[in-house]
Amino acid sequence: MITPTELSALRKWICETIAAHSYERHAELHVVAIHARFRDPSTWIDVACQCLKAGTSCLRQQTLPFRLTVDFCLKNTSQPMGWTFHTREQVESELDYQPPSLHLFPEGVRFPDETLVKNEMPLSLLGCDLEGAVLRYTESFSEVDGSYRRFLWIEVPLPLE
């Protein structure tokens, strides 16, 4: 569970990101920036889900037209892998060294590049309880190092009007 101090840090980032329009530059907040206790990779999935739930609640309470997402960097591969996960443990074994990041997107924008989405799965795969949330897998080739960069994204939809 995130503490009131951690929740305050999350709210501050949300407010500052919206006020400065930093979301236009895809500003992100790594969970370890909220608190150092989140450095342990075994906590990343649960912490990211807790932060996503708390941050989404904050956005909805203030009726801000933004969506909060979280991404998990997965290990790069030399070949396209596609969706290969059937359990949370399989996802955890593929997490890269970079902690998950929170991102804000304005209403109507889902990802920096929606064409990268290769698969969607229910969030129950990770054991997270976020109503309506989906788990998306993206994979794209990087000409910089010749590898396939892979991410999992969790997105919670905006409330229906």
Protein backbone atom coordinates (compact mmCIF):
# COMPACT_ATOMS: atom_id res chain seq x y z
CA MET A 1 0.00 0.00 0.00
CA ILE A 2 1.31 3.47 -0.77
CA THR A 3 1.64 5.86 2.14
CA PRO A 4 0.16 9.38 2.39
CA THR A 5 3.64 10.82 1.71
CA GLU A 6 4.00 8.70 -1.43
CA LEU A 7 0.49 9.65 -2.54
CA SER A 8 1.40 13.31 -2.06
CA ALA A 9 4.49 12.88 -4.27
CA LEU A 10 2.33 11.23 -6.95
CA ARG A 11 -0.29 14.00 -6.82
CA LYS A 12 2.42 16.65 -7.00
CA TRP A 13 3.88 15.05 -10.13
CA ILE A 14 0.42 14.84 -11.75
CA CYS A 15 -0.34 18.50 -11.02
CA GLU A 16 3.08 19.73 -12.14
CA THR A 17 3.01 17.62 -15.31
CA ILE A 18 -0.39 18.98 -16.31
CA ALA A 19 0.45 22.60 -15.39
CA ALA A 20 3.71 22.55 -17.35
CA HIS A 21 2.26 20.52 -20.26
CA SER A 22 5.15 18.10 -19.71
CA TYR A 23 2.90 15.26 -20.90
CA GLU A 24 3.41 16.67 -24.41
CA ARG A 25 7.06 15.60 -24.10
CA HIS A 26 6.01 12.26 -22.62
CA ALA A 27 7.20 13.12 -19.11
CA GLU A 28 7.39 10.07 -16.92
CA LEU A 29 7.66 9.28 -13.24
CA HIS A 30 9.59 6.16 -12.26
CA VAL A 31 8.10 4.50 -9.21
CA VAL A 32 11.47 4.72 -7.43
CA ALA A 33 11.17 8.52 -7.60
CA ILE A 34 8.09 8.24 -5.38
CA HIS A 35 10.04 6.34 -2.72
CA ALA A 36 13.32 4.42 -2.56
CA ARG A 37 11.56 1.40 -1.04
CA PHE A 38 10.25 0.68 -4.53
CA ARG A 39 13.73 -0.18 -5.85
CA ASP A 40 13.17 -3.91 -5.39
CA PRO A 41 11.99 -5.35 -8.73
CA SER A 42 9.82 -7.90 -6.91
CA THR A 43 7.60 -4.96 -5.81
CA TRP A 44 7.27 -3.27 -9.19
CA ILE A 45 4.05 -4.82 -10.44
CA ASP A 46 2.13 -4.30 -7.20
CA VAL A 47 3.53 -0.80 -6.61
CA ALA A 48 2.81 0.27 -10.17
CA CYS A 49 -0.78 -0.95 -9.87
CA GLN A 50 -1.21 0.83 -6.53
CA CYS A 51 0.18 4.08 -7.94
CA LEU A 52 -1.97 3.76 -11.03
CA LYS A 53 -5.08 3.19 -8.93
CA ALA A 54 -4.31 6.13 -6.59
CA GLY A 55 -3.36 8.48 -9.43
CA THR A 56 -6.42 7.58 -11.49
CA SER A 57 -8.60 8.22 -8.46
CA CYS A 58 -6.99 11.65 -8.07
CA LEU A 59 -7.63 12.50 -11.74
CA ARG A 60 -11.26 11.41 -11.49
CA GLN A 61 -11.88 13.32 -8.25
CA GLN A 62 -10.62 16.49 -9.89
CA THR A 63 -12.39 15.63 -13.18
CA LEU A 64 -9.18 16.18 -15.11
CA PRO A 65 -9.38 14.94 -18.73
CA PHE A 66 -6.23 12.86 -18.52
CA ARG A 67 -5.43 9.18 -18.42
CA LEU A 68 -2.66 7.75 -16.28
CA THR A 69 -0.78 4.75 -17.63
CA VAL A 70 2.16 2.72 -16.46
CA ASP A 71 4.74 0.97 -18.56
CA PHE A 72 7.12 -1.86 -17.76
CA CYS A 73 10.29 -2.21 -19.81
CA LEU A 74 10.91 -5.79 -20.77
CA LYS A 75 14.21 -7.32 -21.80
CA ASN A 76 15.16 -6.51 -25.38
CA THR A 77 15.37 -9.42 -27.79
CA SER A 78 17.13 -10.08 -31.08
CA GLN A 79 13.96 -11.51 -32.68
CA PRO A 80 10.32 -10.46 -32.44
CA MET A 81 8.72 -12.41 -29.61
CA GLY A 82 5.07 -11.45 -29.60
CA TRP A 83 2.89 -12.18 -26.59
CA THR A 84 4.43 -15.11 -24.69
CA PHE A 85 3.10 -14.53 -21.18
CA HIS A 86 0.60 -16.76 -19.43
CA THR A 87 1.47 -16.04 -15.79
CA ARG A 88 2.63 -13.16 -13.64
CA GLU A 89 5.86 -15.05 -12.97
CA GLN A 90 6.62 -15.11 -16.70
CA VAL A 91 6.13 -11.35 -16.87
CA GLU A 92 8.36 -10.81 -13.81
CA SER A 93 11.13 -12.91 -15.36
CA GLU A 94 11.13 -10.63 -18.43
CA LEU A 95 11.26 -7.27 -16.57
CA ASP A 96 14.26 -5.19 -17.52
CA TYR A 97 16.44 -3.27 -15.05
CA GLN A 98 14.43 -0.03 -15.45
CA PRO A 99 11.61 0.49 -12.93
CA PRO A 100 8.08 1.00 -14.23
CA SER A 101 7.11 4.51 -15.26
CA LEU A 102 3.87 6.44 -14.95
CA HIS A 103 2.75 8.58 -17.89
CA LEU A 104 -0.08 11.06 -18.41
CA PHE A 105 -1.96 11.29 -21.66
CA PRO A 106 -4.70 13.78 -22.48
CA GLU A 107 -8.17 12.49 -23.26
CA GLY A 108 -8.24 10.81 -26.65
CA VAL A 109 -4.54 9.85 -26.69
CA ARG A 110 -3.68 6.30 -25.65
CA PHE A 111 -0.03 5.80 -26.52
CA PRO A 112 2.77 7.68 -28.20
CA ASP A 113 2.30 5.29 -31.13
CA GLU A 114 -0.83 3.15 -31.06
CA THR A 115 0.43 1.13 -34.06
CA LEU A 116 2.98 -0.57 -31.79
CA VAL A 117 0.30 -2.43 -29.81
CA LYS A 118 0.61 -6.12 -30.58
CA ASN A 119 -1.73 -7.64 -28.03
CA GLU A 120 -4.17 -6.83 -25.24
CA MET A 121 -4.92 -8.98 -22.23
CA PRO A 122 -7.01 -8.63 -19.09
CA LEU A 123 -5.11 -7.15 -16.19
CA SER A 124 -6.03 -10.14 -14.05
CA LEU A 125 -2.92 -11.81 -15.50
CA LEU A 126 -0.86 -9.59 -13.16
CA GLY A 127 -3.21 -9.94 -10.21
CA CYS A 128 -4.08 -6.23 -10.21
CA ASP A 129 -7.54 -4.94 -9.42
CA LEU A 130 -8.20 -1.90 -11.58
CA GLU A 131 -11.70 -1.79 -13.01
CA GLY A 132 -11.71 -1.67 -16.79
CA ALA A 133 -7.92 -1.61 -17.09
CA VAL A 134 -6.19 -3.44 -19.91
CA LEU A 135 -2.68 -4.78 -20.30
CA ARG A 136 -1.08 -4.01 -23.65
CA TYR A 137 2.09 -5.41 -25.16
CA THR A 138 4.19 -3.35 -27.55
CA GLU A 139 7.22 -4.43 -29.52
CA SER A 140 9.23 -2.43 -32.03
CA PHE A 141 12.55 -2.78 -33.81
CA SER A 142 15.30 -0.34 -32.85
CA GLU A 143 17.75 0.47 -35.61
CA VAL A 144 20.05 1.99 -32.98
CA ASP A 145 21.08 -1.37 -31.54
CA GLY A 146 19.28 -3.87 -33.79
CA SER A 147 17.07 -5.19 -31.00
CA TYR A 148 13.36 -5.45 -30.43
CA ARG A 149 12.21 -3.18 -27.61
CA ARG A 150 9.32 -4.59 -25.64
CA PHE A 151 6.95 -3.00 -23.14
CA LEU A 152 3.86 -3.83 -21.17
CA TRP A 153 1.45 -0.95 -20.60
CA ILE A 154 -1.45 -0.77 -18.19
CA GLU A 155 -4.14 1.68 -19.12
CA VAL A 156 -7.24 2.59 -17.10
CA PRO A 157 -10.03 4.10 -19.20
CA LEU A 158 -11.47 7.51 -18.43
CA PRO A 159 -14.86 7.36 -16.72
CA LEU A 160 -17.80 7.20 -19.09
CA GLU A 161 -19.87 10.36 -19.28
